[in-house]
Amino acid sequence: MIRKHSITLRGHRTSFSLENPFMDELRAIADERNLPLAALITEIDENRDPTANLSSALRLYVLNWLKAKAQKT
C-alpha cells in the first residue's frame, strides 16, 4: 500500500508517497546510520537528480543501499 508522508526539508513542507516496505527500510537505514529520518531524507533530497521526484529518489536510495549491503556479504 502506498502512503503519503509529510516532512519539512530546509524549512519547507513537502510530501512524498512510498510503499510501506520502502518506508520501513528508510527508517532502518536511518537507524543504522544513527541519523534522524528527516536528516536522511534531506540528504537524499539534496543529492537526487533534479529531474527525479523525491519519492523516486527515496526508492532508488533504498534499492542501492540494499544492493551495496548484499554485495558485502
N, C-alpha and C. Protein backbone atom coordinates (compact mmCIF):
# COMPACT_ATOMS: atom_id res chain seq x y z
N MET A 1 0.83 -1.17 0.00
CA MET A 1 0.00 0.00 0.00
C MET A 1 0.89 1.25 0.00
N ILE A 2 0.55 2.20 -0.82
CA ILE A 2 1.30 3.46 -0.88
C ILE A 2 0.67 4.43 0.12
N ARG A 3 1.53 5.05 0.91
CA ARG A 3 1.08 6.04 1.90
C ARG A 3 1.77 7.36 1.63
N LYS A 4 1.05 8.42 1.87
CA LYS A 4 1.60 9.76 1.73
C LYS A 4 2.22 10.17 3.06
N HIS A 5 3.40 10.77 3.00
CA HIS A 5 4.13 11.23 4.18
C HIS A 5 4.48 12.69 3.99
N SER A 6 4.48 13.44 5.06
CA SER A 6 4.87 14.86 5.02
C SER A 6 6.12 15.07 5.84
N ILE A 7 6.95 16.00 5.39
CA ILE A 7 8.21 16.29 6.06
C ILE A 7 8.61 17.73 5.76
N THR A 8 9.41 18.30 6.63
CA THR A 8 9.96 19.63 6.39
C THR A 8 11.39 19.49 5.93
N LEU A 9 11.68 20.00 4.74
CA LEU A 9 13.03 19.98 4.17
C LEU A 9 13.50 21.41 3.98
N ARG A 10 14.58 21.74 4.64
CA ARG A 10 15.14 23.09 4.54
C ARG A 10 14.08 24.17 4.76
N GLY A 11 13.22 23.93 5.77
CA GLY A 11 12.23 24.92 6.16
C GLY A 11 10.94 24.93 5.35
N HIS A 12 10.80 24.02 4.40
CA HIS A 12 9.59 23.95 3.58
C HIS A 12 8.92 22.60 3.74
N ARG A 13 7.61 22.61 3.88
CA ARG A 13 6.86 21.36 3.97
C ARG A 13 6.73 20.76 2.58
N THR A 14 6.92 19.47 2.51
CA THR A 14 6.73 18.74 1.26
C THR A 14 6.18 17.37 1.60
N SER A 15 5.71 16.68 0.61
CA SER A 15 5.19 15.33 0.85
C SER A 15 5.75 14.39 -0.20
N PHE A 16 5.72 13.12 0.14
CA PHE A 16 6.14 12.08 -0.78
C PHE A 16 5.27 10.86 -0.52
N SER A 17 5.18 10.01 -1.51
CA SER A 17 4.39 8.79 -1.39
C SER A 17 5.30 7.59 -1.52
N LEU A 18 5.20 6.67 -0.55
CA LEU A 18 6.03 5.46 -0.57
C LEU A 18 5.23 4.27 -0.09
N GLU A 19 5.57 3.12 -0.63
CA GLU A 19 5.01 1.88 -0.13
C GLU A 19 5.60 1.62 1.26
N ASN A 20 4.84 0.95 2.11
CA ASN A 20 5.29 0.69 3.48
C ASN A 20 6.65 0.01 3.56
N PRO A 21 6.94 -1.00 2.72
CA PRO A 21 8.27 -1.63 2.84
C PRO A 21 9.43 -0.65 2.58
N PHE A 22 9.25 0.29 1.66
CA PHE A 22 10.30 1.28 1.41
C PHE A 22 10.46 2.21 2.62
N MET A 23 9.35 2.60 3.21
CA MET A 23 9.41 3.47 4.39
C MET A 23 10.07 2.74 5.55
N ASP A 24 9.74 1.47 5.71
CA ASP A 24 10.37 0.67 6.77
C ASP A 24 11.88 0.59 6.57
N GLU A 25 12.31 0.39 5.33
CA GLU A 25 13.75 0.32 5.04
C GLU A 25 14.43 1.65 5.27
N LEU A 26 13.77 2.76 4.90
CA LEU A 26 14.36 4.07 5.16
C LEU A 26 14.58 4.28 6.65
N ARG A 27 13.61 3.88 7.46
CA ARG A 27 13.76 4.00 8.91
C ARG A 27 14.93 3.15 9.41
N ALA A 28 15.05 1.94 8.87
CA ALA A 28 16.14 1.04 9.27
C ALA A 28 17.49 1.62 8.87
N ILE A 29 17.57 2.19 7.68
CA ILE A 29 18.82 2.80 7.22
C ILE A 29 19.18 3.99 8.11
N ALA A 30 18.20 4.82 8.43
CA ALA A 30 18.46 5.96 9.31
C ALA A 30 18.97 5.47 10.66
N ASP A 31 18.35 4.43 11.19
CA ASP A 31 18.82 3.87 12.46
C ASP A 31 20.24 3.36 12.35
N GLU A 32 20.53 2.63 11.27
CA GLU A 32 21.87 2.06 11.08
C GLU A 32 22.92 3.15 10.95
N ARG A 33 22.54 4.27 10.36
CA ARG A 33 23.47 5.38 10.18
C ARG A 33 23.43 6.37 11.35
N ASN A 34 22.63 6.06 12.36
CA ASN A 34 22.47 6.94 13.52
C ASN A 34 22.05 8.35 13.13
N LEU A 35 21.09 8.41 12.21
CA LEU A 35 20.56 9.69 11.74
C LEU A 35 19.07 9.75 12.04
N PRO A 36 18.55 10.95 12.30
CA PRO A 36 17.11 11.09 12.32
C PRO A 36 16.59 10.83 10.90
N LEU A 37 15.40 10.30 10.79
CA LEU A 37 14.82 10.02 9.48
C LEU A 37 14.78 11.28 8.62
N ALA A 38 14.42 12.41 9.21
CA ALA A 38 14.35 13.67 8.45
C ALA A 38 15.71 14.05 7.88
N ALA A 39 16.78 13.80 8.61
CA ALA A 39 18.13 14.12 8.13
C ALA A 39 18.49 13.23 6.94
N LEU A 40 18.13 11.95 7.00
CA LEU A 40 18.41 11.05 5.88
C LEU A 40 17.64 11.49 4.64
N ILE A 41 16.38 11.82 4.81
CA ILE A 41 15.56 12.23 3.67
C ILE A 41 16.08 13.54 3.08
N THR A 42 16.51 14.45 3.95
CA THR A 42 17.10 15.71 3.46
C THR A 42 18.36 15.43 2.65
N GLU A 43 19.21 14.53 3.14
CA GLU A 43 20.44 14.17 2.42
C GLU A 43 20.11 13.58 1.04
N ILE A 44 19.15 12.69 1.01
CA ILE A 44 18.75 12.08 -0.27
C ILE A 44 18.20 13.15 -1.21
N ASP A 45 17.38 14.04 -0.69
CA ASP A 45 16.80 15.10 -1.50
C ASP A 45 17.88 16.01 -2.08
N GLU A 46 18.87 16.36 -1.27
CA GLU A 46 19.93 17.25 -1.72
C GLU A 46 20.82 16.62 -2.79
N ASN A 47 20.91 15.29 -2.81
CA ASN A 47 21.79 14.60 -3.76
C ASN A 47 21.05 13.97 -4.94
N ARG A 48 19.74 14.15 -5.00
CA ARG A 48 18.99 13.50 -6.08
C ARG A 48 19.13 14.25 -7.40
N ASP A 49 18.90 13.53 -8.46
CA ASP A 49 18.84 14.12 -9.80
C ASP A 49 17.70 15.15 -9.80
N PRO A 50 17.95 16.37 -10.22
CA PRO A 50 16.89 17.38 -10.16
C PRO A 50 15.68 17.06 -11.05
N THR A 51 15.84 16.14 -11.97
CA THR A 51 14.71 15.76 -12.82
C THR A 51 13.87 14.65 -12.20
N ALA A 52 14.35 14.05 -11.10
CA ALA A 52 13.62 12.97 -10.44
C ALA A 52 12.80 13.53 -9.28
N ASN A 53 11.65 12.92 -9.03
CA ASN A 53 10.88 13.38 -7.87
C ASN A 53 11.41 12.71 -6.60
N LEU A 54 11.02 13.26 -5.47
CA LEU A 54 11.55 12.80 -4.19
C LEU A 54 11.18 11.34 -3.93
N SER A 55 9.96 10.94 -4.23
CA SER A 55 9.54 9.56 -3.99
C SER A 55 10.43 8.58 -4.75
N SER A 56 10.71 8.88 -6.00
CA SER A 56 11.58 8.01 -6.80
C SER A 56 12.99 7.98 -6.24
N ALA A 57 13.48 9.14 -5.84
CA ALA A 57 14.83 9.22 -5.28
C ALA A 57 14.94 8.38 -4.01
N LEU A 58 13.91 8.40 -3.19
CA LEU A 58 13.93 7.60 -1.96
C LEU A 58 13.93 6.12 -2.27
N ARG A 59 13.12 5.70 -3.24
CA ARG A 59 13.09 4.28 -3.62
C ARG A 59 14.45 3.84 -4.16
N LEU A 60 15.05 4.66 -5.02
CA LEU A 60 16.35 4.31 -5.59
C LEU A 60 17.43 4.26 -4.52
N TYR A 61 17.37 5.15 -3.55
CA TYR A 61 18.34 5.14 -2.46
C TYR A 61 18.24 3.82 -1.70
N VAL A 62 17.02 3.42 -1.36
CA VAL A 62 16.82 2.16 -0.64
C VAL A 62 17.34 0.99 -1.47
N LEU A 63 17.00 0.97 -2.74
CA LEU A 63 17.46 -0.11 -3.62
C LEU A 63 18.98 -0.17 -3.66
N ASN A 64 19.62 0.97 -3.86
CA ASN A 64 21.08 1.00 -3.94
C ASN A 64 21.73 0.62 -2.61
N TRP A 65 21.14 1.04 -1.50
CA TRP A 65 21.66 0.69 -0.17
C TRP A 65 21.62 -0.82 0.02
N LEU A 66 20.48 -1.42 -0.31
CA LEU A 66 20.32 -2.86 -0.12
C LEU A 66 21.23 -3.65 -1.07
N LYS A 67 21.40 -3.17 -2.29
CA LYS A 67 22.30 -3.85 -3.23
C LYS A 67 23.74 -3.79 -2.74
N ALA A 68 24.15 -2.63 -2.24
CA ALA A 68 25.52 -2.48 -1.72
C ALA A 68 25.73 -3.37 -0.50
N LYS A 69 24.72 -3.46 0.34
CA LYS A 69 24.81 -4.29 1.53
C LYS A 69 24.89 -5.76 1.15
N ALA A 70 24.14 -6.17 0.15
CA ALA A 70 24.16 -7.57 -0.30
C ALA A 70 25.52 -7.94 -0.90
N GLN A 71 26.17 -6.99 -1.56
CA GLN A 71 27.48 -7.28 -2.17
C GLN A 71 28.56 -7.46 -1.11
N LYS A 72 28.35 -6.89 0.07
CA LYS A 72 29.34 -7.01 1.14
C LYS A 72 29.31 -8.38 1.81
N THR A 73 28.20 -9.11 1.64
CA THR A 73 28.08 -10.42 2.31
C THR A 73 28.49 -11.54 1.41
